[in-house]
Amino acid sequence: MVVRHRTKSEKKFGDSNRTGLRHRGAGNRGGVGKAGHGKRSKQKKSMYMVNGKVDYGQKGFKSKIKPVKAIDVGYICEHIDALCEKKGAKFAVNIKKLGYGKVLGAGVVDKPLIISECGLITEKARAKITKAGGEVVEG
């Protein structure tokens, strides 16, 4: 009996062999990588599920500049017993020891303050401190 051979085009179709022409490209997968995972992508959502929530990764950027913590002069005067050491008639405050890097000018200054190691200080804060009889020590 004569054996009938399949033609080359017949061999390429179907799922029985892996050398077929179908199901080969990225179009069959809906794109390469994260392509098509946007607003209408329920079919690809399982690829990005982390603890039951969809996680598409990081967005934006992180600033390398660290924010400076600031304290108001009025807050220092209100909590003068807890924050300051008394030196004669004046009250000494080390801003760096308190964990702050900047002194702002909000509030009322009614006691003479000696502000040291303050890093940054606004002109308004400096004026209020000197008007009350205090001083700002640089460094």
C-alpha atoms as a PDB file:
ATOM      1  CA  MET A   1       0.000   0.000   0.000  1.00  0.00           C
ATOM      2  CA  VAL A   2       1.259   3.479  -0.882  1.00  0.00           C
ATOM      3  CA  VAL A   3       1.875   5.810   2.078  1.00  0.00           C
ATOM      4  CA  ARG A   4       0.493   9.281   1.581  1.00  0.00           C
ATOM      5  CA  HIS A   5       2.985  11.966   2.601  1.00  0.00           C
ATOM      6  CA  ARG A   6       1.751  15.256   4.065  1.00  0.00           C
ATOM      7  CA  THR A   7       2.804  18.382   2.233  1.00  0.00           C
ATOM      8  CA  LYS A   8       5.009  20.991   3.873  1.00  0.00           C
ATOM      9  CA  SER A   9       2.116  23.430   4.362  1.00  0.00           C
ATOM     10  CA  GLU A  10       0.002  20.699   5.961  1.00  0.00           C
ATOM     11  CA  LYS A  11       2.756  19.936   8.440  1.00  0.00           C
ATOM     12  CA  LYS A  12       2.985  23.561   9.584  1.00  0.00           C
ATOM     13  CA  PHE A  13      -0.645  23.758  10.764  1.00  0.00           C
ATOM     14  CA  GLY A  14      -1.977  22.296  13.984  1.00  0.00           C
ATOM     15  CA  ASP A  15      -0.763  21.872  17.550  1.00  0.00           C
ATOM     16  CA  SER A  16       0.824  18.441  17.200  1.00  0.00           C
ATOM     17  CA  ASN A  17       4.231  19.792  16.234  1.00  0.00           C
ATOM     18  CA  ARG A  18       6.082  22.765  17.678  1.00  0.00           C
ATOM     19  CA  THR A  19       7.414  24.014  14.337  1.00  0.00           C
ATOM     20  CA  GLY A  20       4.051  25.363  13.208  1.00  0.00           C
ATOM     21  CA  LEU A  21       3.421  28.866  11.974  1.00  0.00           C
ATOM     22  CA  ARG A  22       0.639  29.640  14.421  1.00  0.00           C
ATOM     23  CA  HIS A  23       0.965  31.096  17.921  1.00  0.00           C
ATOM     24  CA  ARG A  24       4.522  32.268  17.420  1.00  0.00           C
ATOM     25  CA  GLY A  25       4.706  36.040  17.692  1.00  0.00           C
ATOM     26  CA  ALA A  26       4.188  38.614  20.397  1.00  0.00           C
ATOM     27  CA  GLY A  27       0.884  39.557  18.802  1.00  0.00           C
ATOM     28  CA  ASN A  28      -0.587  36.309  20.034  1.00  0.00           C
ATOM     29  CA  ARG A  29       0.450  37.237  23.597  1.00  0.00           C
ATOM     30  CA  GLY A  30      -0.888  40.780  23.314  1.00  0.00           C
ATOM     31  CA  GLY A  31       2.537  42.376  23.034  1.00  0.00           C
ATOM     32  CA  VAL A  32       5.995  41.995  24.523  1.00  0.00           C
ATOM     33  CA  GLY A  33       6.575  42.478  28.257  1.00  0.00           C
ATOM     34  CA  LYS A  34       4.230  44.952  29.920  1.00  0.00           C
ATOM     35  CA  ALA A  35       2.599  46.011  26.645  1.00  0.00           C
ATOM     36  CA  GLY A  36      -1.176  46.175  26.907  1.00  0.00           C
ATOM     37  CA  HIS A  37      -1.290  46.124  30.717  1.00  0.00           C
ATOM     38  CA  GLY A  38      -3.016  49.492  31.040  1.00  0.00           C
ATOM     39  CA  LYS A  39      -6.600  50.532  31.670  1.00  0.00           C
ATOM     40  CA  ARG A  40      -8.385  47.665  29.879  1.00  0.00           C
ATOM     41  CA  SER A  41      -6.041  44.835  30.817  1.00  0.00           C
ATOM     42  CA  LYS A  42      -8.053  42.458  32.952  1.00  0.00           C
ATOM     43  CA  GLN A  43      -6.522  39.516  31.078  1.00  0.00           C
ATOM     44  CA  LYS A  44      -2.998  40.533  32.170  1.00  0.00           C
ATOM     45  CA  LYS A  45      -3.869  41.669  35.701  1.00  0.00           C
ATOM     46  CA  SER A  46      -2.764  38.396  37.301  1.00  0.00           C
ATOM     47  CA  MET A  47       0.809  39.092  36.182  1.00  0.00           C
ATOM     48  CA  TYR A  48       0.926  42.193  38.416  1.00  0.00           C
ATOM     49  CA  MET A  49      -0.991  41.011  41.478  1.00  0.00           C
ATOM     50  CA  VAL A  50       0.919  41.385  44.761  1.00  0.00           C
ATOM     51  CA  ASN A  51      -0.943  40.426  47.946  1.00  0.00           C
ATOM     52  CA  GLY A  52      -4.298  40.720  46.193  1.00  0.00           C
ATOM     53  CA  LYS A  53      -3.627  44.233  44.853  1.00  0.00           C
ATOM     54  CA  VAL A  54      -2.430  45.309  41.435  1.00  0.00           C
ATOM     55  CA  ASP A  55       1.161  46.575  41.616  1.00  0.00           C
ATOM     56  CA  TYR A  56       2.473  48.255  38.482  1.00  0.00           C
ATOM     57  CA  GLY A  57       5.826  49.137  40.049  1.00  0.00           C
ATOM     58  CA  GLN A  58       7.383  52.446  40.999  1.00  0.00           C
ATOM     59  CA  LYS A  59       6.258  55.795  39.629  1.00  0.00           C
ATOM     60  CA  GLY A  60       8.063  59.096  39.582  1.00  0.00           C
ATOM     61  CA  PHE A  61      11.376  59.727  41.277  1.00  0.00           C
ATOM     62  CA  LYS A  62      12.770  60.292  44.735  1.00  0.00           C
ATOM     63  CA  SER A  63      14.445  63.557  45.540  1.00  0.00           C
ATOM     64  CA  LYS A  64      17.997  63.309  46.829  1.00  0.00           C
ATOM     65  CA  ILE A  65      17.508  66.473  48.899  1.00  0.00           C
ATOM     66  CA  LYS A  66      16.551  65.631  52.465  1.00  0.00           C
ATOM     67  CA  PRO A  67      13.878  67.889  53.975  1.00  0.00           C
ATOM     68  CA  VAL A  68      15.033  70.135  56.829  1.00  0.00           C
ATOM     69  CA  LYS A  69      13.006  70.025  60.041  1.00  0.00           C
ATOM     70  CA  ALA A  70      12.041  73.490  61.224  1.00  0.00           C
ATOM     71  CA  ILE A  71      10.943  74.941  64.563  1.00  0.00           C
ATOM     72  CA  ASP A  72       9.222  78.246  65.302  1.00  0.00           C
ATOM     73  CA  VAL A  73      10.632  80.795  67.731  1.00  0.00           C
ATOM     74  CA  GLY A  74       7.216  81.086  69.346  1.00  0.00           C
ATOM     75  CA  TYR A  75       7.155  77.329  70.025  1.00  0.00           C
ATOM     76  CA  ILE A  76      10.541  77.597  71.748  1.00  0.00           C
ATOM     77  CA  CYS A  77       9.219  80.400  73.995  1.00  0.00           C
ATOM     78  CA  GLU A  78       6.044  78.481  74.838  1.00  0.00           C
ATOM     79  CA  HIS A  79       8.014  75.347  75.847  1.00  0.00           C
ATOM     80  CA  ILE A  80      10.995  77.174  77.282  1.00  0.00           C
ATOM     81  CA  ASP A  81      11.281  75.009  80.414  1.00  0.00           C
ATOM     82  CA  ALA A  82      11.568  71.754  78.461  1.00  0.00           C
ATOM     83  CA  LEU A  83      13.755  72.998  75.581  1.00  0.00           C
ATOM     84  CA  CYS A  84      16.114  75.592  77.093  1.00  0.00           C
ATOM     85  CA  GLU A  85      18.850  75.864  79.721  1.00  0.00           C
ATOM     86  CA  LYS A  86      18.941  79.016  81.806  1.00  0.00           C
ATOM     87  CA  LYS A  87      22.206  80.958  81.608  1.00  0.00           C
ATOM     88  CA  GLY A  88      21.912  83.976  83.866  1.00  0.00           C
ATOM     89  CA  ALA A  89      18.999  86.079  82.647  1.00  0.00           C
ATOM     90  CA  LYS A  90      18.928  84.430  79.204  1.00  0.00           C
ATOM     91  CA  PHE A  91      17.818  81.019  77.941  1.00  0.00           C
ATOM     92  CA  ALA A  92      20.206  78.964  75.790  1.00  0.00           C
ATOM     93  CA  VAL A  93      18.894  76.631  73.078  1.00  0.00           C
ATOM     94  CA  ASN A  94      20.937  74.206  70.957  1.00  0.00           C
ATOM     95  CA  ILE A  95      18.795  73.680  67.851  1.00  0.00           C
ATOM     96  CA  LYS A  96      20.887  70.804  66.486  1.00  0.00           C
ATOM     97  CA  LYS A  97      20.534  68.827  69.736  1.00  0.00           C
ATOM     98  CA  LEU A  98      16.751  69.198  69.517  1.00  0.00           C
ATOM     99  CA  GLY A  99      16.839  67.593  66.057  1.00  0.00           C
ATOM    100  CA  TYR A 100      15.996  70.657  63.995  1.00  0.00           C
ATOM    101  CA  GLY A 101      17.891  72.363  61.211  1.00  0.00           C
ATOM    102  CA  LYS A 102      16.024  75.641  60.735  1.00  0.00           C
ATOM    103  CA  VAL A 103      14.476  78.342  62.939  1.00  0.00           C
ATOM    104  CA  LEU A 104      11.341  80.102  61.672  1.00  0.00           C
ATOM    105  CA  GLY A 105       9.897  83.420  62.835  1.00  0.00           C
ATOM    106  CA  ALA A 106       6.300  82.524  63.742  1.00  0.00           C
ATOM    107  CA  GLY A 107       5.061  83.310  67.231  1.00  0.00           C
ATOM    108  CA  VAL A 108       5.821  85.777  70.004  1.00  0.00           C
ATOM    109  CA  VAL A 109       9.258  86.083  71.626  1.00  0.00           C
ATOM    110  CA  ASP A 110       9.009  87.593  75.090  1.00  0.00           C
ATOM    111  CA  LYS A 111      12.154  86.145  76.711  1.00  0.00           C
ATOM    112  CA  PRO A 112      15.809  86.641  75.717  1.00  0.00           C
ATOM    113  CA  LEU A 113      17.084  83.561  73.861  1.00  0.00           C
ATOM    114  CA  ILE A 114      20.576  82.466  72.890  1.00  0.00           C
ATOM    115  CA  ILE A 115      20.155  80.322  69.750  1.00  0.00           C
ATOM    116  CA  SER A 116      23.162  78.157  68.856  1.00  0.00           C
ATOM    117  CA  GLU A 117      23.949  75.616  66.091  1.00  0.00           C
ATOM    118  CA  CYS A 118      20.821  76.522  64.138  1.00  0.00           C
ATOM    119  CA  GLY A 119      22.086  75.873  60.603  1.00  0.00           C
ATOM    120  CA  LEU A 120      19.454  78.096  58.946  1.00  0.00           C
ATOM    121  CA  ILE A 121      17.485  80.969  60.440  1.00  0.00           C
ATOM    122  CA  THR A 122      15.034  83.370  58.820  1.00  0.00           C
ATOM    123  CA  GLU A 123      15.475  87.122  58.988  1.00  0.00           C
ATOM    124  CA  LYS A 124      12.146  87.481  60.806  1.00  0.00           C
ATOM    125  CA  ALA A 125      13.250  85.030  63.519  1.00  0.00           C
ATOM    126  CA  ARG A 126      16.615  86.756  63.899  1.00  0.00           C
ATOM    127  CA  ALA A 127      14.906  90.159  64.261  1.00  0.00           C
ATOM    128  CA  LYS A 128      12.465  88.893  66.923  1.00  0.00           C
ATOM    129  CA  ILE A 129      15.263  87.279  68.959  1.00  0.00           C
ATOM    130  CA  THR A 130      17.484  90.385  68.919  1.00  0.00           C
ATOM    131  CA  LYS A 131      14.514  92.659  69.695  1.00  0.00           C
ATOM    132  CA  ALA A 132      13.762  90.579  72.819  1.00  0.00           C
ATOM    133  CA  GLY A 133      17.381  90.952  73.984  1.00  0.00           C
ATOM    134  CA  GLY A 134      18.694  87.615  72.754  1.00  0.00           C
ATOM    135  CA  GLU A 135      21.353  86.642  70.280  1.00  0.00           C
ATOM    136  CA  VAL A 136      22.067  84.131  67.519  1.00  0.00           C
ATOM    137  CA  VAL A 137      25.401  82.298  67.731  1.00  0.00           C
ATOM    138  CA  GLU A 138      26.533  81.105  64.279  1.00  0.00           C
ATOM    139  CA  GLY A 139      28.098  77.673  63.897  1.00  0.00           C
END
